Amino acid sequence: PVANITTCANSLTGPINFSTTVPGTTYSWTNNNATIGLGANGTGNIPQFTAINNGTTTIVATIIVTPTFSNPTGDPLRSGTPITFTITITPAPIALCKNVTIYLNAVGIATLLTSDVNNGSTGGTLTLSKTTFTCANIGPNTVTLTVTDICGKTATCTSIVTVVDNLPPVITGNVIPLLPVQGDQAVTAVPVVTASVN
């Protein structure tokens, strides 16, 4: 048997070699999806080819290999049991970004997700060059979105992430009384005010 193969667009694939213990065996094969960059049929081993996928979704080709052999007594050629396997081609990574505005929370932090800047990227796993923002980042920031496919190939785009702090400072206060004075003088309390900045 031949294991199923998964590879990436624009990657070299193969060769795929066939073998058996029966001397003189030859092979013929068919491919039901020549758009992957491999011919529709052939004989012998499958040669190395450049995988093609010009779309944005995975494509699959089914390969059927038929062995043909004769025994030492000179019997006519006979076909053995065909074997079937698939070649799956993932699309090339495409990175598409959009600009976004995010807001600091009450403790002065904003978190950016890939879904915030992704604008229809395809072909791999998404990562960001920066995900956490603070008061030091208020205003526009350039962030890179990277799409990485299973073969390690990447595509990137940039997004302008505008960080906004629209929460007013929170003011809290308490009253601390002064020490009592001598005689009939009044005791005065002084408010102590603190502010937390966000």
Protein backbone atom coordinates (compact mmCIF):
# COMPACT_ATOMS: atom_id res chain seq x y z
CA PRO A 1 0.00 0.00 0.00
CA VAL A 2 0.96 3.63 -0.51
CA ALA A 3 0.21 6.15 2.25
CA ASN A 4 -1.94 9.14 1.45
CA ILE A 5 0.07 12.29 0.77
CA THR A 6 -0.65 15.85 1.87
CA THR A 7 1.48 18.68 0.53
CA CYS A 8 1.34 22.40 -0.21
CA ALA A 9 0.83 24.41 -3.36
CA ASN A 10 4.08 25.18 -5.19
CA SER A 11 5.97 22.43 -3.32
CA LEU A 12 7.94 19.64 -5.00
CA THR A 13 6.22 16.31 -4.45
CA GLY A 14 7.55 12.81 -5.11
CA PRO A 15 8.88 10.85 -6.78
CA ILE A 16 6.56 8.04 -5.66
CA ASN A 17 8.18 4.66 -6.22
CA PHE A 18 6.40 1.30 -6.36
CA SER A 19 7.94 -2.07 -5.53
CA THR A 20 7.00 -5.73 -5.13
CA THR A 21 8.62 -9.09 -4.51
CA VAL A 22 7.38 -10.40 -7.86
CA PRO A 23 10.11 -10.04 -10.51
CA GLY A 24 9.22 -8.28 -13.75
CA THR A 25 6.22 -6.41 -12.34
CA THR A 26 5.31 -3.18 -14.14
CA TYR A 27 2.90 -0.48 -13.08
CA SER A 28 0.36 1.79 -14.69
CA TRP A 29 -1.46 4.55 -12.86
CA THR A 30 -4.27 7.02 -13.30
CA ASN A 31 -4.95 10.37 -11.67
CA ASN A 32 -8.51 11.72 -11.57
CA ASN A 33 -7.48 15.35 -10.98
CA ALA A 34 -4.73 16.59 -13.27
CA THR A 35 -5.11 20.15 -11.94
CA ILE A 36 -2.76 19.19 -9.07
CA GLY A 37 0.15 19.34 -11.54
CA LEU A 38 0.43 15.60 -12.23
CA GLY A 39 -0.59 13.99 -15.53
CA ALA A 40 -3.82 12.05 -15.88
CA ASN A 41 -2.03 8.72 -16.34
CA GLY A 42 1.36 7.12 -16.71
CA THR A 43 3.45 3.98 -16.37
CA GLY A 44 6.17 3.07 -13.91
CA ASN A 45 6.88 5.22 -10.87
CA ILE A 46 5.24 8.61 -10.46
CA PRO A 47 7.87 11.29 -11.17
CA GLN A 48 8.54 14.32 -9.04
CA PHE A 49 6.19 17.20 -9.82
CA THR A 50 5.36 20.66 -8.54
CA ALA A 51 2.03 20.61 -6.70
CA ILE A 52 -0.50 23.13 -7.98
CA ASN A 53 -3.50 24.61 -6.21
CA ASN A 54 -4.61 27.97 -7.57
CA GLY A 55 -7.70 28.14 -5.40
CA THR A 56 -8.37 28.97 -1.77
CA THR A 57 -9.53 25.53 -0.64
CA THR A 58 -7.89 22.11 -0.44
CA ILE A 59 -8.03 19.91 -3.54
CA VAL A 60 -7.65 16.12 -3.67
CA ALA A 61 -6.60 13.71 -6.41
CA THR A 62 -7.20 9.97 -6.29
CA ILE A 63 -4.41 7.83 -7.71
CA ILE A 64 -5.06 4.22 -8.78
CA VAL A 65 -2.00 2.05 -9.44
CA THR A 66 -2.37 -1.28 -11.23
CA PRO A 67 0.50 -3.80 -11.21
CA THR A 68 0.97 -6.15 -14.14
CA PHE A 69 3.10 -9.31 -14.01
CA SER A 70 3.72 -12.78 -15.44
CA ASN A 71 5.02 -15.84 -13.64
CA PRO A 72 8.25 -17.69 -14.52
CA THR A 73 6.41 -20.38 -16.53
CA GLY A 74 5.61 -17.83 -19.21
CA ASP A 75 1.90 -17.33 -18.48
CA PRO A 76 0.32 -14.30 -20.14
CA LEU A 77 0.58 -10.96 -18.32
CA ARG A 78 -1.91 -10.60 -15.53
CA SER A 79 -3.09 -7.58 -13.58
CA GLY A 80 -2.73 -7.56 -9.85
CA THR A 81 -5.02 -5.89 -7.33
CA PRO A 82 -5.02 -2.12 -7.85
CA ILE A 83 -3.93 0.10 -4.97
CA THR A 84 -5.50 3.49 -4.32
CA PHE A 85 -4.18 6.52 -2.47
CA THR A 86 -4.82 10.25 -2.46
CA ILE A 87 -2.69 13.34 -2.95
CA THR A 88 -4.07 16.38 -1.12
CA ILE A 89 -2.84 19.86 -2.06
CA THR A 90 -3.46 22.71 0.37
CA PRO A 91 -3.77 26.23 -1.06
CA ALA A 92 -0.96 28.76 -0.92
CA PRO A 93 -1.26 31.10 2.09
CA ILE A 94 -2.96 34.42 1.41
CA ALA A 95 -2.92 37.20 4.02
CA LEU A 96 -5.65 39.85 3.95
CA CYS A 97 -5.87 42.53 6.66
CA LYS A 98 -8.22 45.26 7.77
CA ASN A 99 -7.60 48.22 10.09
CA VAL A 100 -9.22 48.14 13.50
CA THR A 101 -9.78 50.26 16.61
CA ILE A 102 -9.48 48.69 20.05
CA TYR A 103 -10.17 50.17 23.49
CA LEU A 104 -8.27 49.96 26.74
CA ASN A 105 -10.18 48.39 29.60
CA ALA A 106 -10.47 49.65 33.18
CA VAL A 107 -6.94 48.49 34.03
CA GLY A 108 -5.41 50.02 30.90
CA ILE A 109 -5.01 46.89 28.74
CA ALA A 110 -6.46 45.89 25.35
CA THR A 111 -6.07 42.48 23.70
CA LEU A 112 -5.99 42.04 19.92
CA LEU A 113 -7.23 38.80 18.30
CA THR A 114 -6.42 37.48 14.83
CA SER A 115 -10.14 37.68 14.06
CA ASP A 116 -10.01 41.43 14.72
CA VAL A 117 -7.66 42.14 11.79
CA ASN A 118 -8.22 39.11 9.53
CA ASN A 119 -10.09 40.07 6.37
CA GLY A 120 -10.49 36.68 4.69
CA SER A 121 -6.99 35.20 4.86
CA THR A 122 -6.70 31.57 3.72
CA GLY A 123 -4.26 28.71 3.53
CA GLY A 124 -2.80 28.34 7.01
CA THR A 125 -2.54 29.30 10.66
CA LEU A 126 -2.83 32.96 11.66
CA THR A 127 -0.51 34.76 14.08
CA LEU A 128 0.02 38.40 15.07
CA SER A 129 3.22 40.34 15.72
CA LYS A 130 1.60 42.03 18.75
CA THR A 131 -1.49 41.16 20.77
CA THR A 132 -1.34 43.18 24.01
CA PHE A 133 -1.58 46.97 24.20
CA THR A 134 -1.36 49.45 27.09
CA CYS A 135 -1.50 53.19 27.67
CA ALA A 136 1.94 53.41 26.06
CA ASN A 137 0.39 52.32 22.75
CA ILE A 138 -2.42 54.88 22.52
CA GLY A 139 -2.84 55.94 18.91
CA PRO A 140 -2.02 54.09 15.67
CA ASN A 141 0.13 50.93 15.76
CA THR A 142 1.31 48.80 12.85
CA VAL A 143 0.66 45.08 13.40
CA THR A 144 1.67 42.24 11.06
CA LEU A 145 -0.63 39.29 10.41
CA THR A 146 1.19 36.14 9.24
CA VAL A 147 -0.41 33.12 7.56
CA THR A 148 1.72 29.95 7.77
CA ASP A 149 0.87 26.77 5.85
CA ILE A 150 1.77 23.18 6.81
CA CYS A 151 4.97 23.37 4.76
CA GLY A 152 6.19 26.48 6.60
CA LYS A 153 5.51 28.90 3.74
CA THR A 154 4.13 32.26 4.82
CA ALA A 155 2.22 35.30 3.61
CA THR A 156 1.90 38.57 5.52
CA CYS A 157 -0.09 41.77 5.59
CA THR A 158 -0.17 44.77 7.92
CA SER A 159 -2.99 46.39 9.83
CA ILE A 160 -3.19 49.78 11.52
CA VAL A 161 -4.46 49.12 15.03
CA THR A 162 -5.64 52.29 16.73
CA VAL A 163 -5.64 52.09 20.52
CA VAL A 164 -8.13 54.34 22.30
CA ASP A 165 -8.54 55.14 25.98
CA ASN A 166 -12.09 56.43 26.37
CA LEU A 167 -12.59 55.60 30.06
CA PRO A 168 -12.31 58.59 32.44
CA PRO A 169 -10.03 58.27 35.50
CA VAL A 170 -11.76 56.80 38.54
CA ILE A 171 -11.55 59.06 41.59
CA THR A 172 -11.96 57.62 45.05
CA GLY A 173 -11.67 59.40 48.41
CA ASN A 174 -11.95 59.01 52.15
CA VAL A 175 -11.85 61.38 55.10
CA ILE A 176 -9.03 61.34 57.61
CA PRO A 177 -9.75 63.37 60.77
CA LEU A 178 -7.09 65.64 62.20
CA LEU A 179 -5.83 65.09 65.70
CA PRO A 180 -7.96 66.91 68.32
CA VAL A 181 -6.63 70.24 69.50
CA GLN A 182 -6.63 71.78 72.92
CA GLY A 183 -9.51 73.84 74.23
CA ASP A 184 -12.67 74.56 72.40
CA GLN A 185 -11.24 74.55 68.89
CA ALA A 186 -13.15 72.51 66.32
CA VAL A 187 -11.82 69.23 64.94
CA THR A 188 -11.52 69.35 61.16
CA ALA A 189 -11.53 66.41 58.76
CA VAL A 190 -9.47 66.62 55.57
CA PRO A 191 -10.52 64.63 52.50
CA VAL A 192 -7.83 62.55 50.89
CA VAL A 193 -8.39 61.98 47.17
CA THR A 194 -6.69 59.38 45.02
CA ALA A 195 -7.14 58.74 41.32
CA SER A 196 -6.58 55.65 39.27
CA VAL A 197 -5.57 56.35 35.70
CA ASN A 198 -6.72 54.08 32.86
